[in-house]
Amino acid sequence: MSDYLTRYSATDQSMAGSSNNGLTQAAAAIAYAGALPLIIGAILVWARPMDIGPYLIDYIILAGGVLLAFFGGIRWGIAVMNSAGPTFTNLFGGIVPALIAVPLFLMENDLVRLLIIVIALPLLLFDDLRATRRGSGAPDWYLGVRLPLTVMMELAFVATLAFVILN
């Protein structure tokens, strides 16, 4: 994993003179700011379980479903931007995360819903890393933002899952 962190670092020196550096920093700032509600929510689930905990669990799960669909949209966008045209496999890879997310909005079992998120997020990340290594994925700067962001979000989802299991 440290190989990926080094290779896909959002602050890579090769970006220093690039015109994309501002875009990379903006994307990172927005992405990390978007993770704050999940992290704060997971902390508050543990700190205030009786009054706002149940609402926050629902919020965290729904946010997870939105994130999965969002990552699918990014995959779709990368597929259609391919100069040779999108392949069926790449387009299908953009649909799968949304298909995984739909049950999260319909099911009532918090344990199962959180398990789906906790399993799906790292699987999508590793597939994105693999695609980028092959040259058919996102630009390096995206994964430099996405990898640490996914780790942070995954920790929030795991903390919420632990709360659901233990309570």
Foldseek 3Di string as FASTA:
>chain_A
DVVLLQQLALVDPVCVPPPCNVVLVVVLVVLVVVLVLLQVLLVVCVVPVPPCNVVSLLVLLLVLLVVLLVLLVQQCVLQCPPPVHHDPVSNVSSCVSNVLSVVSVVDDDSLVSLVSSLVPLVVSLVVQVVCVVVVSHDDSSVNSSSVVSSVSSSVSSVSSSVSSVVD
